[in-house]
């Protein structure tokens, strides 16, 4: 069947190439630089609502759209034109209105999928469908390949590999793009209200830092040096705070040379923000406000409706739990920052958890994910994480062995993380040294010593709260879709 489809597509392409040649031979353009559009399909539909059948409005317009339905029936031909936003209108091409030659040309060169310009009066058909009674038409762009069957859903593989087809054929795909743009605009508006500045930091860095992750490596010919695609903007944004920009945020791309699954992509959009004189409690308040306002901007309510029809409540005050007590309760055994490594290893082996490059904090976090994560249905802040897995975070002000850090879980996945930032350059240097030991031991995610960042800290960084949130994951929470559906053009093999 696949071969038959390929052959059929190849034959149709040859036929359409012939029609393109025919247009050019008679002095017309198959791909004109412009057409005299005077209106949009959406605007025309908005102006003419609830009309009776067989009405002539007297409104003459010039419209363009892609042909998504085509029916040629003798002296009257019909085409459904679709705009980029998915709005549609019917074009009626009649012998009486355009003449015999133009109607014959229509039947000879127009195909499903073509972009078409039409001008004429806005009318309703005998069945009451809003239409354009075409007085003039021309090809705006000739499609050489046929559209997929609009009545058959595209496979997931086709949707992500050929997103342009997904956008043409599936309203949900177009809605996702609009939802993402609306959500990001809301984030920016909330930050603006709070007095934040949007800044940009380097994506090419001389050394990777700001997170524990494996980087992508590239080479600069101009500088004759290897560079890293950034895994996080954190260390540069903190430099901005040192410089006196006390409330900053950035929305941009991060790159991590790691696995890809339903919640991870090697290239992803990230929001990071830093606020002087705040802490991780203030950051938790901020991220709840950001997400709830985004939900309202997208759907008018903090209760969002996912693609599958499920309603998910993002409203109210979100619960805050601590990692160690919640793990102890779920595992049925007390686990604290002082629990011996041997006990953590034994518990992990009992539940068949393997930890690469093991340190105490990684065992605690992996055990917490096993015992607790799946039970968190409502948005939940998981507070007070292990110290040795958070080298850039301030140690807890009253609980030894943990740091002032939270992870926000929504729908069972991590959506955001927040910190009381470590601002002591002496302690930060020792944390980097500890990370360097792990790196020397073979941990590819361990951080390296960043001397320039440490130098900046030595000029004095005020107490600061920091936030990191994945934009793609925010869209997952708002739509219920997997990460490949929330990214317009995801990376696929």
Protein backbone atom coordinates (compact mmCIF):
# COMPACT_ATOMS: atom_id res chain seq x y z
CA UNK A 1 0.00 0.00 0.00
CA UNK A 2 2.86 2.36 0.83
CA UNK A 3 4.33 1.87 -2.65
CA UNK A 4 0.95 2.49 -4.27
CA UNK A 5 0.66 5.73 -2.29
CA UNK A 6 4.08 6.86 -3.42
CA UNK A 7 3.24 6.05 -7.05
CA UNK A 8 -0.09 7.87 -6.80
CA UNK A 9 1.58 10.95 -5.29
CA UNK A 10 4.23 10.89 -7.99
CA UNK A 11 1.59 10.74 -10.72
CA UNK A 12 -0.37 13.61 -9.18
CA UNK A 13 2.78 15.68 -8.93
CA UNK A 14 3.48 15.19 -12.64
CA UNK A 15 -0.08 16.23 -13.51
CA UNK A 16 0.20 19.34 -11.33
CA UNK A 17 3.57 20.22 -12.83
CA UNK A 18 1.83 20.17 -16.19
CA UNK A 19 -0.78 22.61 -14.90
CA UNK A 20 1.98 24.87 -13.57
CA UNK A 21 3.61 24.84 -17.00
CA UNK A 22 0.29 25.63 -18.65
CA UNK A 23 -0.15 28.72 -16.48
CA UNK A 24 3.35 29.95 -17.28
CA UNK A 25 3.03 29.27 -21.03
CA UNK A 26 0.02 31.58 -21.29
CA UNK A 27 1.73 34.37 -19.38
CA UNK A 28 0.20 33.81 -15.94
CA UNK A 29 2.04 33.16 -12.70
CA UNK A 30 1.84 30.00 -10.64
CA UNK A 31 3.54 31.81 -7.74
CA UNK A 32 2.78 35.56 -7.98
CA UNK A 33 4.59 37.96 -5.70
CA UNK A 34 1.25 39.33 -4.43
CA UNK A 35 -2.50 39.19 -4.98
CA UNK A 36 -4.94 42.10 -4.32
CA UNK A 37 -6.38 40.89 -1.01
CA UNK A 38 -8.73 43.42 0.60
CA UNK A 39 -10.12 41.36 3.47
CA UNK A 40 -9.67 38.22 5.54
CA UNK A 41 -11.97 35.24 5.67
CA UNK A 42 -12.40 35.66 9.41
CA UNK A 43 -13.34 39.33 9.09
CA UNK A 44 -15.89 38.61 6.35
CA UNK A 45 -17.48 35.88 8.44
CA UNK A 46 -17.61 38.23 11.44
CA UNK A 47 -19.40 40.91 9.39
CA UNK A 48 -21.98 38.56 7.94
CA UNK A 49 -23.55 36.33 10.54
CA UNK A 50 -26.99 34.70 10.65
CA UNK A 51 -27.91 35.53 7.05
CA UNK A 52 -30.86 33.90 5.37
CA UNK A 53 -30.26 31.53 2.41
CA UNK A 54 -29.87 33.00 -1.09
CA UNK A 55 -28.93 36.53 0.03
CA UNK A 56 -26.70 38.99 -1.85
CA UNK A 57 -25.04 41.42 0.57
CA UNK A 58 -23.55 43.92 -1.90
CA UNK A 59 -20.21 43.57 -0.08
CA UNK A 60 -17.46 43.03 -2.70
CA UNK A 61 -14.20 41.64 -1.29
CA UNK A 62 -10.90 40.12 -2.37
CA UNK A 63 -9.90 37.05 -0.36
CA UNK A 64 -7.21 34.37 -0.44
CA UNK A 65 -7.00 30.94 1.14
CA UNK A 66 -6.01 27.33 0.64
CA UNK A 67 -8.50 25.07 -1.17
CA UNK A 68 -9.44 22.30 1.26
CA UNK A 69 -12.57 21.09 -0.57
CA UNK A 70 -13.23 21.22 -4.30
CA UNK A 71 -16.29 20.23 -6.32
CA UNK A 72 -16.73 20.88 -10.03
CA UNK A 73 -20.30 20.37 -11.28
CA UNK A 74 -20.97 21.56 -14.81
CA UNK A 75 -21.80 25.26 -14.89
CA UNK A 76 -21.22 25.84 -11.15
CA UNK A 77 -18.03 24.93 -9.25
CA UNK A 78 -17.44 25.11 -5.51
CA UNK A 79 -14.27 25.47 -3.43
CA UNK A 80 -13.83 25.82 0.31
CA UNK A 81 -11.04 28.28 1.11
CA UNK A 82 -9.24 28.00 4.44
CA UNK A 83 -7.25 30.81 6.05
CA UNK A 84 -4.23 30.25 8.27
CA UNK A 85 -6.39 30.54 11.39
CA UNK A 86 -8.64 27.73 10.15
CA UNK A 87 -11.60 29.93 9.21
CA UNK A 88 -13.29 28.92 5.94
CA UNK A 89 -15.57 30.37 3.30
CA UNK A 90 -17.08 28.91 0.15
CA UNK A 91 -16.12 30.22 -3.30
CA UNK A 92 -18.78 29.77 -6.02
CA UNK A 93 -17.53 29.93 -9.62
CA UNK A 94 -20.42 30.07 -12.08
CA UNK A 95 -20.55 30.22 -15.86
CA UNK A 96 -22.77 33.30 -15.74
CA UNK A 97 -20.36 35.25 -13.48
CA UNK A 98 -16.94 34.41 -14.95
CA UNK A 99 -17.65 33.28 -18.49
CA UNK A 100 -16.97 30.08 -20.40
CA UNK A 101 -13.19 30.53 -20.81
CA UNK A 102 -12.52 31.31 -17.14
CA UNK A 103 -14.69 28.40 -15.99
CA UNK A 104 -12.85 26.04 -18.32
CA UNK A 105 -9.50 27.31 -17.01
CA UNK A 106 -10.72 26.73 -13.44
CA UNK A 107 -11.49 23.11 -14.21
CA UNK A 108 -8.19 22.71 -16.02
CA UNK A 109 -5.68 24.16 -13.54
CA UNK A 110 -7.21 24.39 -10.04
CA UNK A 111 -6.45 21.57 -7.55
CA UNK A 112 -7.10 20.70 -3.93
CA UNK A 113 -4.38 22.34 -1.83
CA UNK A 114 -3.79 25.33 -4.12
CA UNK A 115 -3.69 28.80 -2.60
CA UNK A 116 -6.35 30.79 -4.44
CA UNK A 117 -7.31 34.46 -4.71
CA UNK A 118 -10.95 35.27 -5.43
CA UNK A 119 -12.83 38.54 -5.65
CA UNK A 120 -16.57 38.98 -5.77
CA UNK A 121 -19.72 39.67 -3.80
CA UNK A 122 -20.40 38.10 -0.43
CA UNK A 123 -23.57 36.00 -0.72
CA UNK A 124 -25.26 33.02 0.83
CA UNK A 125 -25.94 29.86 -1.14
CA UNK A 126 -29.34 28.22 -1.47
CA UNK A 127 -28.38 26.13 1.55
CA UNK A 128 -27.47 29.25 3.53
CA UNK A 129 -23.67 28.83 3.39
CA UNK A 130 -21.68 32.06 3.42
CA UNK A 131 -19.93 32.31 0.06
CA UNK A 132 -18.13 34.51 -2.43
CA UNK A 133 -19.80 34.72 -5.84
CA UNK A 134 -16.56 34.83 -7.78
CA UNK A 135 -16.11 37.51 -10.44
CA UNK A 136 -12.35 37.02 -10.73
CA UNK A 137 -9.93 34.34 -9.58
CA UNK A 138 -6.25 33.51 -9.87
CA UNK A 139 -3.78 31.02 -8.46
CA UNK A 140 -1.85 32.47 -5.51
CA UNK A 141 0.43 29.42 -5.11
CA UNK A 142 0.22 26.14 -7.02
CA UNK A 143 0.41 23.02 -4.83
CA UNK A 144 2.45 20.32 -6.54
CA UNK A 145 1.66 17.66 -3.95
CA UNK A 146 -1.86 16.64 -2.86
CA UNK A 147 -3.12 17.25 0.66
CA UNK A 148 -3.65 14.25 2.94
CA UNK A 149 -7.19 12.94 3.24
CA UNK A 150 -8.87 15.54 5.44
CA UNK A 151 -11.30 12.95 6.79
CA UNK A 152 -8.51 10.64 8.08
CA UNK A 153 -6.42 11.58 11.10
CA UNK A 154 -2.70 11.87 10.48
CA UNK A 155 -0.44 9.48 12.33
CA UNK A 156 1.57 10.92 15.23
CA UNK A 157 4.75 10.34 13.24
CA UNK A 158 3.43 12.38 10.30
CA UNK A 159 2.17 15.11 12.63
CA UNK A 160 5.58 15.75 14.18
CA UNK A 161 7.69 15.18 11.05
CA UNK A 162 5.47 17.22 8.73
CA UNK A 163 4.00 19.77 11.10
CA UNK A 164 2.92 21.95 8.18
CA UNK A 165 0.47 19.21 7.15
CA UNK A 166 -0.68 18.91 10.76
CA UNK A 167 -1.36 22.66 10.85
CA UNK A 168 -3.31 22.53 7.59
CA UNK A 169 -5.47 19.56 8.50
CA UNK A 170 -5.92 19.58 12.29
CA UNK A 171 -7.55 22.46 14.19
CA UNK A 172 -6.00 21.24 17.48
CA UNK A 173 -2.52 21.76 16.05
CA UNK A 174 -3.32 25.37 15.20
CA UNK A 175 -4.90 25.88 18.63
CA UNK A 176 -1.71 24.64 20.31
CA UNK A 177 0.33 27.32 18.54
CA UNK A 178 -2.12 30.03 19.59
CA UNK A 179 -2.27 28.65 23.15
CA UNK A 180 1.51 28.72 23.43
CA UNK A 181 1.74 32.30 22.15
CA UNK A 182 -1.05 33.40 24.50
CA UNK A 183 0.56 31.72 27.51
CA UNK A 184 3.98 33.24 26.83
CA UNK A 185 2.44 36.69 26.34
CA UNK A 186 0.73 36.28 29.72
CA UNK A 187 4.03 35.36 31.38
CA UNK A 188 5.65 38.49 29.98
CA UNK A 189 2.71 40.65 31.09
CA UNK A 190 2.86 39.28 34.65
CA UNK A 191 6.59 39.93 34.87
CA UNK A 192 6.09 43.45 33.52
CA UNK A 193 3.50 44.14 36.21
CA UNK A 194 6.02 43.02 38.82
CA UNK A 195 8.76 45.29 37.52
CA UNK A 196 10.97 42.67 35.88
CA UNK A 197 13.25 43.34 32.91
CA UNK A 198 13.48 40.82 30.07
CA UNK A 199 17.11 40.20 29.12
CA UNK A 200 19.05 37.87 26.83
CA UNK A 201 22.12 35.84 27.76
CA UNK A 202 24.57 33.81 25.63
CA UNK A 203 23.57 30.48 24.12
CA UNK A 204 27.18 29.74 23.12
CA UNK A 205 29.26 29.47 26.28
CA UNK A 206 32.91 28.72 26.96
CA UNK A 207 31.84 26.30 29.66
CA UNK A 208 28.49 24.86 30.58
CA UNK A 209 26.87 25.59 33.91
CA UNK A 210 23.72 26.51 35.75
CA UNK A 211 22.34 22.97 35.86
CA UNK A 212 23.41 19.36 36.15
CA UNK A 213 23.13 18.08 32.59
CA UNK A 214 25.20 16.74 29.71
CA UNK A 215 25.93 19.53 27.18
CA UNK A 216 26.15 19.69 23.40
CA UNK A 217 29.63 20.67 22.19
CA UNK A 218 30.37 22.71 19.07
CA UNK A 219 33.43 24.52 17.68
CA UNK A 220 34.00 28.17 16.84
CA UNK A 221 36.25 28.67 13.83
CA UNK A 222 36.54 32.40 14.55
CA UNK A 223 37.86 31.81 18.08
CA UNK A 224 39.36 28.37 17.34
CA UNK A 225 37.84 26.94 20.49
CA UNK A 226 35.19 24.48 21.55
CA UNK A 227 31.96 25.99 22.87
CA UNK A 228 28.93 24.58 24.64
CA UNK A 229 25.28 25.13 23.78
CA UNK A 230 23.88 26.38 27.04
CA UNK A 231 22.12 24.02 29.39
CA UNK A 232 20.79 26.97 31.45
CA UNK A 233 21.10 30.78 31.54
CA UNK A 234 21.40 30.84 35.34
CA UNK A 235 25.00 31.93 35.86
CA UNK A 236 24.68 34.85 33.44
CA UNK A 237 21.35 36.01 34.88
CA UNK A 238 22.93 36.01 38.34
CA UNK A 239 25.72 38.21 36.98
CA UNK A 240 22.95 40.63 35.93
CA UNK A 241 21.64 40.67 39.51
CA UNK A 242 25.17 41.37 40.78
CA UNK A 243 25.22 44.28 38.33
CA UNK A 244 22.14 45.81 39.92
CA UNK A 245 19.37 44.45 37.64
CA UNK A 246 17.40 43.23 40.62
CA UNK A 247 14.45 41.66 38.77
CA UNK A 248 15.29 39.91 35.51
CA UNK A 249 13.85 37.11 33.42
CA UNK A 250 14.61 35.34 30.16
CA UNK A 251 12.52 33.09 27.90
CA UNK A 252 14.74 31.26 25.46
CA UNK A 253 16.18 27.92 24.32
CA UNK A 254 18.21 25.45 26.35
CA UNK A 255 20.00 22.38 24.99
CA UNK A 256 20.73 19.19 26.92
CA UNK A 257 22.39 16.18 25.31
CA UNK A 258 20.16 13.68 27.05
CA UNK A 259 17.28 11.33 26.39
CA UNK A 260 14.00 12.23 24.71
CA UNK A 261 10.60 10.99 25.90
CA UNK A 262 7.07 12.24 26.55
CA UNK A 263 8.34 14.94 28.95
CA UNK A 264 11.90 15.59 27.70
CA UNK A 265 13.30 17.14 24.52
CA UNK A 266 17.02 17.81 23.83
CA UNK A 267 16.07 21.36 22.75
CA UNK A 268 13.46 23.12 24.84
CA UNK A 269 12.17 26.55 25.80
CA UNK A 270 12.97 27.70 29.32
CA UNK A 271 11.88 30.56 31.53
CA UNK A 272 14.31 31.66 34.24
CA UNK A 273 13.85 34.61 36.56
CA UNK A 274 15.71 36.13 39.50
CA UNK A 275 14.43 38.56 42.11
CA UNK A 276 16.70 40.26 44.63
CA UNK A 277 15.52 40.19 48.24
CA UNK A 278 13.17 37.26 47.63
CA UNK A 279 13.55 33.58 48.57
CA UNK A 280 12.11 30.22 47.52
CA UNK A 281 8.83 30.92 49.33
CA UNK A 282 8.40 34.14 47.37
CA UNK A 283 9.34 32.31 44.17
CA UNK A 284 6.67 29.67 44.86
CA UNK A 285 4.09 32.46 45.13
CA UNK A 286 5.39 33.93 41.86
CA UNK A 287 5.23 30.71 39.83
CA UNK A 288 1.72 29.92 41.05
CA UNK A 289 0.62 33.39 39.95
CA UNK A 290 2.37 33.03 36.57
CA UNK A 291 0.75 29.68 35.79
CA UNK A 292 -2.73 30.58 37.01
CA UNK A 293 -2.71 33.80 35.00
CA UNK A 294 -1.57 31.88 31.93
CA UNK A 295 -4.48 29.46 32.37
CA UNK A 296 -6.95 32.35 32.57
CA UNK A 297 -5.39 34.01 29.51
CA UNK A 298 -5.68 30.79 27.50
CA UNK A 299 -9.09 29.54 28.56
CA UNK A 300 -10.74 32.17 30.73
CA UNK A 301 -10.45 30.12 33.91
CA UNK A 302 -7.93 28.41 36.17
CA UNK A 303 -9.71 25.16 35.28
CA UNK A 304 -8.23 24.16 31.93
CA UNK A 305 -9.73 21.73 29.43
CA UNK A 306 -7.22 19.35 27.89
CA UNK A 307 -7.26 18.08 24.33
CA UNK A 308 -8.95 14.84 25.41
CA UNK A 309 -11.77 16.76 27.16
CA UNK A 310 -10.45 16.28 30.70
CA UNK A 311 -10.86 19.27 33.01
CA UNK A 312 -7.87 20.01 35.24
CA UNK A 313 -8.01 22.48 38.11
CA UNK A 314 -5.01 24.79 38.47
CA UNK A 315 -6.79 27.13 40.84
CA UNK A 316 -6.62 27.72 44.57
CA UNK A 317 -3.60 27.61 46.86
CA UNK A 318 -1.21 24.81 45.93
CA UNK A 319 0.00 22.41 48.60
CA UNK A 320 3.60 22.53 49.83
CA UNK A 321 5.17 19.32 51.12
CA UNK A 322 8.71 18.46 52.20
CA UNK A 323 10.72 15.82 50.34
CA UNK A 324 12.09 13.82 53.28
CA UNK A 325 8.88 13.56 55.36
CA UNK A 326 6.76 12.72 52.28
CA UNK A 327 9.26 10.03 51.24
CA UNK A 328 9.32 8.57 54.76
CA UNK A 329 5.54 8.36 54.90
CA UNK A 330 5.26 6.68 51.49
CA UNK A 331 8.17 4.25 51.97
CA UNK A 332 7.13 3.25 55.50
CA UNK A 333 10.60 3.95 56.89
CA UNK A 334 12.11 7.17 58.21
CA UNK A 335 14.53 8.78 55.79
CA UNK A 336 16.43 11.92 56.78
CA UNK A 337 19.49 13.78 55.47
CA UNK A 338 21.52 11.69 57.95
CA UNK A 339 20.25 8.29 56.77
CA UNK A 340 23.34 6.15 56.04
CA UNK A 341 24.17 5.52 52.40
CA UNK A 342 23.99 1.75 52.97
CA UNK A 343 20.34 2.01 54.04
CA UNK A 344 19.46 4.09 50.97
CA UNK A 345 21.21 1.61 48.68
CA UNK A 346 19.42 -1.33 50.30
CA UNK A 347 16.02 0.33 49.91
CA UNK A 348 16.78 1.19 46.29
CA UNK A 349 17.80 -2.39 45.55
CA UNK A 350 14.63 -3.68 47.20
CA UNK A 351 12.47 -1.63 44.81
CA UNK A 352 14.83 -2.25 41.85
CA UNK A 353 16.12 1.31 41.41
CA UNK A 354 19.55 1.87 39.88
CA UNK A 355 21.37 5.17 40.38
CA UNK A 356 24.16 6.23 38.02
CA UNK A 357 27.13 7.99 39.65
CA UNK A 358 25.54 7.49 43.09
CA UNK A 359 25.60 10.10 45.81
CA UNK A 360 23.28 10.28 48.78
CA UNK A 361 21.01 12.98 47.36
CA UNK A 362 20.50 11.15 44.07
CA UNK A 363 19.31 8.07 45.96
CA UNK A 364 16.87 10.18 47.96
CA UNK A 365 15.48 11.85 44.84
CA UNK A 366 15.16 8.58 42.90
CA UNK A 367 13.43 6.92 45.85
CA UNK A 368 11.09 9.91 46.19
CA UNK A 369 10.15 9.66 42.52
CA UNK A 370 9.43 5.95 42.94
CA UNK A 371 7.33 6.21 46.09
CA UNK A 372 5.68 9.65 45.90
CA UNK A 373 5.68 11.32 42.49
CA UNK A 374 2.83 9.37 40.88
CA UNK A 375 0.49 10.21 43.76
CA UNK A 376 0.69 13.96 43.15
CA UNK A 377 -2.35 14.76 41.02
CA UNK A 378 -2.90 18.39 42.01
CA UNK A 379 -0.13 20.98 41.55
CA UNK A 380 2.25 20.47 44.48
CA UNK A 381 5.43 22.19 45.64
CA UNK A 382 7.97 19.63 46.90
CA UNK A 383 10.23 21.61 49.21
CA UNK A 384 13.65 21.17 50.86
CA UNK A 385 15.80 19.00 48.60
CA UNK A 386 19.12 17.21 49.27
CA UNK A 387 22.14 19.48 49.51
CA UNK A 388 24.57 17.44 47.43
CA UNK A 389 22.37 17.52 44.28
CA UNK A 390 21.87 21.30 44.37
CA UNK A 391 25.29 22.98 44.14
CA UNK A 392 23.92 26.47 43.32
CA UNK A 393 21.33 26.65 46.12
CA UNK A 394 21.54 28.11 49.64
CA UNK A 395 21.57 25.62 52.52
CA UNK A 396 18.32 25.62 54.50
CA UNK A 397 18.27 28.24 57.23
CA UNK A 398 17.11 25.76 59.91
CA UNK A 399 17.29 22.17 58.59
CA UNK A 400 20.83 20.76 58.19
CA UNK A 401 21.62 18.73 55.09
CA UNK A 402 18.96 20.19 52.78
CA UNK A 403 18.72 23.28 50.62
CA UNK A 404 15.99 25.87 50.12
CA UNK A 405 14.76 24.50 46.84
CA UNK A 406 11.39 23.33 45.54
CA UNK A 407 10.25 21.36 42.52
CA UNK A 408 6.71 22.00 41.32
CA UNK A 409 4.91 18.87 40.13
CA UNK A 410 1.82 19.10 37.94
CA UNK A 411 0.12 16.06 36.40
CA UNK A 412 2.92 13.90 37.82
CA UNK A 413 5.79 15.68 36.04
CA UNK A 414 8.18 18.39 37.17
CA UNK A 415 7.08 21.75 35.76
CA UNK A 416 9.20 24.30 37.60
CA UNK A 417 11.90 24.64 40.20
CA UNK A 418 12.71 27.48 42.59
CA UNK A 419 15.53 28.41 44.93
CA UNK A 420 16.89 30.62 47.60
CA UNK A 421 20.09 31.33 45.70
CA UNK A 422 23.54 30.65 47.10
CA UNK A 423 25.29 34.04 47.21
CA UNK A 424 28.36 33.27 49.36
CA UNK A 425 31.31 33.01 46.92
CA UNK A 426 33.44 31.00 49.36
CA UNK A 427 30.77 28.33 49.82
CA UNK A 428 29.97 28.40 46.10
CA UNK A 429 33.63 27.74 45.26
CA UNK A 430 33.68 24.71 47.53
CA UNK A 431 30.45 23.43 45.94
CA UNK A 432 32.09 23.76 42.51
CA UNK A 433 35.16 21.88 43.77
CA UNK A 434 32.92 19.08 45.01
CA UNK A 435 31.26 18.97 41.59
CA UNK A 436 34.64 18.85 39.87
CA UNK A 437 35.48 15.75 41.92
CA UNK A 438 32.30 14.11 40.65
CA UNK A 439 33.16 15.13 37.09
CA UNK A 440 36.63 13.61 37.46
CA UNK A 441 34.93 10.44 38.67
CA UNK A 442 33.01 10.18 35.39
CA UNK A 443 29.75 12.03 36.10
CA UNK A 444 28.97 13.79 32.78
CA UNK A 445 26.30 15.98 34.41
CA UNK A 446 28.52 17.44 37.13
CA UNK A 447 29.34 21.16 36.97
CA UNK A 448 32.76 22.66 36.35
CA UNK A 449 34.40 25.50 38.29
CA UNK A 450 33.33 28.80 36.73
CA UNK A 451 35.94 31.33 37.80
CA UNK A 452 34.27 34.31 36.10
CA UNK A 453 30.98 33.61 37.87
CA UNK A 454 32.79 33.27 41.20
CA UNK A 455 34.55 36.58 40.57
CA UNK A 456 31.18 38.23 39.96
CA UNK A 457 29.85 36.82 43.27
CA UNK A 458 32.85 38.29 45.08
CA UNK A 459 31.57 41.77 44.18
CA UNK A 460 28.46 40.98 46.23
CA UNK A 461 25.13 39.45 45.21
CA UNK A 462 22.06 40.36 47.30
CA UNK A 463 19.76 37.67 48.75
CA UNK A 464 17.88 36.38 45.71
CA UNK A 465 15.11 33.98 44.75
CA UNK A 466 15.40 32.15 41.43
CA UNK A 467 12.91 30.34 39.21
CA UNK A 468 13.23 27.92 36.30
CA UNK A 469 10.18 26.69 34.35
CA UNK A 470 9.91 24.78 31.08
CA UNK A 471 7.64 26.55 28.60
CA UNK A 472 6.94 23.28 26.78
CA UNK A 473 5.93 21.68 30.06
CA UNK A 474 3.70 24.63 30.93
CA UNK A 475 1.85 23.91 27.69
CA UNK A 476 1.60 20.25 28.69
CA UNK A 477 -0.14 21.34 31.89
CA UNK A 478 -2.48 23.67 30.00
CA UNK A 479 -3.37 21.28 27.14
CA UNK A 480 -2.78 17.75 28.45
CA UNK A 481 -0.61 16.98 25.39
CA UNK A 482 2.82 15.36 25.32
CA UNK A 483 5.90 17.49 24.81
CA UNK A 484 6.19 16.80 21.06
CA UNK A 485 2.71 18.26 20.54
CA UNK A 486 3.55 21.44 22.44
CA UNK A 487 6.71 22.14 20.39
CA UNK A 488 5.95 23.47 16.92
CA UNK A 489 8.84 21.68 15.20
CA UNK A 490 10.22 19.04 17.59
CA UNK A 491 13.51 17.25 16.96
CA UNK A 492 12.86 13.70 15.72
CA UNK A 493 15.13 10.96 14.40
